Amino acid sequence: MPLLILEGGEGCGKDTHIDLLKKKLDPTRTVFTREPGGTRFGEKLRSILLDMETHIEIETELLLFLAARAELKRTVIQPAIDAGKLVISNRFGLSTIAYQIYGRQRFDMTPLLESASMFIIGDLEAHYILLDVPPEIGLGRVEKRNDGLTRFDAERLEFHRRVRQGYLSHYNDGGRGVCIDATASIERIAEQITEQMNRWNM
C-alpha cells in the first residue's frame, strides 16, 4: 500500500479530516502518524520545533525535521507498508519545502534537502492531498481554536503566504498530488478526499 499525506498551511483542516478518516477506515489495516512526530524521538523533536520559546538557526531547524522524518520512515512507515497497511500522515516532505525553503526564503538549502530526502525516503511512493486555504482564513481559524500557538503559527502573514506559494508550486511534483479547496464545507472536503482515495485504490 502507498503512503497518503495530508498537507496544508495552518488552519487548513488536516487534523479534522484525519480524525474523520480514523472513524471511517479499518484500524487493523491503517496506520496514522504525523510530522514531526510519530515516534518517541520524533515527538521530543516536535516539542522543541513547535515551542514558542525555541530559538534556533534555520539550518538546525531543517536538520531536526529531517532527523524526525528518518526515524519515522524507518520505524513506522516502512514496516507498516511492508505489512500491507495504508499509512496516512499529517504532513511529510512537502511541508519542509513549503516552510523551510519557501517560508524561510532559503532556496540555497534546496540541494541539501533534495539529497537528504533521497537518502531518507528512497523510492517510497507518497500521494499528497493539499488542503489549500488562504493564510488569512487559516490563521483566523487557528486563533479561534484557542489551544495555543506554535512558533510557526506566530510567524508573520508574509511567511504564511510564501508557505502557500511553496505548496502550490510543488504539491504535484511527483505526479501523485491533488489540491482541494479547503474553504469549502467539511462535508464537501471529506467527500473529495474519499473520492481521491478511491481513485488511488486506497
Protein backbone atom coordinates (compact mmCIF):
# COMPACT_ATOMS: atom_id res chain seq x y z
CA MET A 1 0.00 0.00 0.00
CA PRO A 2 1.17 3.57 -0.64
CA LEU A 3 1.69 6.42 1.76
CA LEU A 4 -1.04 9.09 1.87
CA ILE A 5 -0.11 12.57 3.09
CA LEU A 6 -2.49 15.36 4.06
CA GLU A 7 -0.73 18.67 3.67
CA GLY A 8 -1.51 22.35 4.00
CA GLY A 9 -0.84 25.55 5.88
CA GLU A 10 -2.02 26.50 9.33
CA GLY A 11 -5.76 26.13 9.85
CA CYS A 12 -6.39 24.17 6.64
CA GLY A 13 -8.24 21.36 8.43
CA LYS A 14 -5.76 18.48 8.32
CA ASP A 15 -6.46 17.39 11.90
CA THR A 16 -10.20 17.48 11.33
CA HIS A 17 -10.08 15.31 8.24
CA ILE A 18 -7.58 12.85 9.67
CA ASP A 19 -9.94 12.41 12.65
CA LEU A 20 -12.76 11.70 10.19
CA LEU A 21 -10.63 9.14 8.37
CA LYS A 22 -9.80 7.45 11.68
CA LYS A 23 -13.52 6.93 12.28
CA LYS A 24 -14.09 5.62 8.76
CA LEU A 25 -11.15 3.33 7.99
CA ASP A 26 -10.34 -0.12 9.33
CA PRO A 27 -7.85 0.40 12.21
CA THR A 28 -6.30 -3.01 11.61
CA ARG A 29 -5.31 -2.03 8.07
CA THR A 30 -4.45 1.65 8.57
CA VAL A 31 -1.66 3.42 10.43
CA PHE A 32 -1.96 7.12 11.25
CA THR A 33 1.06 9.25 12.05
CA ARG A 34 2.29 12.83 11.91
CA GLU A 35 5.30 15.03 11.22
CA PRO A 36 7.25 16.00 13.08
CA GLY A 37 6.49 13.19 15.50
CA GLY A 38 5.05 9.72 15.21
CA THR A 39 7.87 8.16 17.25
CA ARG A 40 9.13 8.74 20.78
CA PHE A 41 12.19 10.50 19.36
CA GLY A 42 10.12 12.45 16.83
CA GLU A 43 7.66 13.68 19.45
CA LYS A 44 10.54 15.08 21.51
CA LEU A 45 11.81 16.93 18.46
CA ARG A 46 8.26 18.12 17.77
CA SER A 47 8.02 19.73 21.19
CA ILE A 48 11.28 21.56 20.53
CA LEU A 49 10.42 22.65 16.98
CA LEU A 50 6.94 23.97 17.82
CA ASP A 51 7.77 25.58 21.16
CA MET A 52 7.39 29.35 21.11
CA GLU A 53 10.49 29.61 23.29
CA THR A 54 12.71 27.76 20.81
CA HIS A 55 15.26 29.94 19.02
CA ILE A 56 17.43 28.02 16.57
CA GLU A 57 19.17 28.62 13.28
CA ILE A 58 17.26 27.80 10.10
CA GLU A 59 19.80 25.13 9.16
CA THR A 60 19.29 23.48 12.54
CA GLU A 61 15.52 23.61 12.08
CA LEU A 62 15.76 21.87 8.72
CA LEU A 63 18.05 19.14 10.04
CA LEU A 64 15.79 18.44 13.03
CA PHE A 65 12.81 17.95 10.72
CA LEU A 66 14.89 15.58 8.58
CA ALA A 67 16.04 13.64 11.65
CA ALA A 68 12.43 13.18 12.79
CA ARG A 69 11.48 12.02 9.27
CA ALA A 70 14.30 9.50 9.08
CA GLU A 71 13.20 7.89 12.35
CA LEU A 72 9.53 7.90 11.33
CA LYS A 73 10.18 6.35 7.94
CA ARG A 74 12.48 3.65 9.28
CA THR A 75 10.50 2.60 12.36
CA VAL A 76 6.85 3.32 11.50
CA ILE A 77 6.10 3.99 7.84
CA GLN A 78 8.21 1.35 6.09
CA PRO A 79 7.28 -1.53 8.44
CA ALA A 80 3.58 -0.70 8.07
CA ILE A 81 3.77 -0.54 4.28
CA ASP A 82 5.74 -3.80 4.22
CA ALA A 83 2.89 -5.33 6.23
CA GLY A 84 0.39 -4.24 3.57
CA LYS A 85 -1.13 -1.40 5.58
CA LEU A 86 -2.15 2.06 4.39
CA VAL A 87 -0.17 4.80 6.15
CA ILE A 88 -1.76 8.24 6.48
CA SER A 89 0.43 11.05 7.72
CA ASN A 90 -0.34 14.57 8.83
CA ARG A 91 2.46 16.33 6.91
CA PHE A 92 5.59 14.91 5.30
CA GLY A 93 8.23 16.11 2.83
CA LEU A 94 6.13 18.75 1.11
CA SER A 95 5.86 20.72 4.35
CA THR A 96 9.63 21.03 4.51
CA ILE A 97 9.74 22.55 1.04
CA ALA A 98 6.91 24.94 1.87
CA TYR A 99 8.07 26.04 5.32
CA GLN A 100 11.85 25.75 5.43
CA ILE A 101 12.62 26.59 1.79
CA TYR A 102 9.83 28.98 0.77
CA GLY A 103 8.69 30.29 4.14
CA ARG A 104 12.22 30.87 5.41
CA GLN A 105 13.36 32.04 1.96
CA ARG A 106 16.30 29.64 1.99
CA PHE A 107 16.39 28.34 -1.55
CA ASP A 108 20.11 27.77 -1.09
CA MET A 109 19.21 24.80 1.14
CA THR A 110 17.31 23.05 -1.68
CA PRO A 111 20.24 20.82 -2.75
CA LEU A 112 20.73 19.68 0.84
CA LEU A 113 17.03 18.92 1.23
CA GLU A 114 16.88 17.03 -2.05
CA SER A 115 19.91 14.85 -1.31
CA ALA A 116 18.83 14.15 2.27
CA SER A 117 15.29 13.33 1.13
CA MET A 118 16.62 10.88 -1.43
CA PHE A 119 18.67 9.19 1.29
CA ILE A 120 15.81 9.11 3.84
CA ILE A 121 12.79 8.42 1.64
CA GLY A 122 14.35 6.49 -1.24
CA ASP A 123 11.75 5.08 -3.62
CA LEU A 124 8.88 5.32 -1.14
CA GLU A 125 5.71 6.15 -3.08
CA ALA A 126 3.81 9.02 -1.49
CA HIS A 127 0.48 10.52 -2.57
CA TYR A 128 -0.30 14.07 -1.49
CA ILE A 129 -3.62 15.78 -0.81
CA LEU A 130 -3.07 19.51 -0.35
CA LEU A 131 -5.82 21.27 1.59
CA ASP A 132 -5.39 24.78 0.28
CA VAL A 133 -6.65 27.79 2.20
CA PRO A 134 -5.62 31.47 2.04
CA PRO A 135 -3.46 32.16 5.11
CA GLU A 136 -5.74 34.99 6.20
CA ILE A 137 -8.55 32.44 6.62
CA GLY A 138 -6.37 29.67 8.02
CA LEU A 139 -4.75 31.85 10.67
CA GLY A 140 -8.18 33.13 11.66
CA ARG A 141 -9.24 29.54 12.29
CA VAL A 142 -6.14 28.96 14.40
CA GLU A 143 -6.94 31.96 16.58
CA LYS A 144 -10.50 30.71 17.12
CA ARG A 145 -9.23 27.30 18.27
CA ASN A 146 -7.66 29.00 21.30
CA ASP A 147 -5.42 25.99 22.00
CA GLY A 148 -2.12 27.85 21.99
CA LEU A 149 0.11 28.99 19.16
CA THR A 150 3.17 27.21 17.83
CA ARG A 151 6.25 29.13 16.70
CA PHE A 152 5.06 28.63 13.11
CA ASP A 153 1.53 29.88 13.82
CA ALA A 154 3.09 33.05 15.19
CA GLU A 155 5.06 33.86 12.03
CA ARG A 156 4.10 36.97 10.07
CA LEU A 157 1.43 36.81 7.37
CA GLU A 158 4.05 37.21 4.66
CA PHE A 159 5.72 34.00 5.86
CA HIS A 160 2.46 32.06 5.52
CA ARG A 161 1.84 33.50 2.08
CA ARG A 162 5.23 32.20 0.99
CA VAL A 163 4.44 28.82 2.53
CA ARG A 164 1.25 28.65 0.48
CA GLN A 165 3.21 29.52 -2.65
CA GLY A 166 5.58 26.65 -1.89
CA TYR A 167 2.73 24.21 -1.51
CA LEU A 168 1.00 25.30 -4.71
CA SER A 169 4.26 25.17 -6.64
CA HIS A 170 5.25 21.65 -5.59
CA TYR A 171 2.26 19.58 -4.43
CA ASN A 172 2.23 17.54 -7.65
CA ASP A 173 5.98 17.28 -8.28
CA GLY A 174 5.85 13.50 -8.36
CA GLY A 175 2.62 13.36 -10.33
CA ARG A 176 0.73 11.97 -7.33
CA GLY A 177 -0.74 15.11 -5.81
CA VAL A 178 -4.11 16.88 -5.80
CA CYS A 179 -5.21 20.23 -4.44
CA ILE A 180 -8.55 20.63 -2.65
CA ASP A 181 -10.18 23.96 -1.81
CA ALA A 182 -10.17 23.93 1.99
CA THR A 183 -12.57 26.87 2.22
CA ALA A 184 -15.41 24.51 1.27
CA SER A 185 -17.58 22.79 3.87
CA ILE A 186 -16.11 19.97 5.96
CA GLU A 187 -18.58 17.59 4.35
CA ARG A 188 -17.58 18.55 0.80
CA ILE A 189 -13.86 18.32 1.57
CA ALA A 190 -14.35 14.89 3.15
CA GLU A 191 -16.20 13.72 0.04
CA GLN A 192 -13.37 14.91 -2.19
CA ILE A 193 -10.75 13.19 -0.05
CA THR A 194 -12.70 9.93 -0.23
CA GLU A 195 -13.15 10.28 -3.98
CA GLN A 196 -9.44 10.80 -4.47
CA MET A 197 -8.51 7.88 -2.24
CA ASN A 198 -10.82 5.67 -4.31
CA ARG A 199 -9.08 6.84 -7.50
CA TRP A 200 -5.77 5.82 -5.93
CA ASN A 201 -7.28 2.47 -4.84
CA MET A 202 -6.73 3.15 -1.16
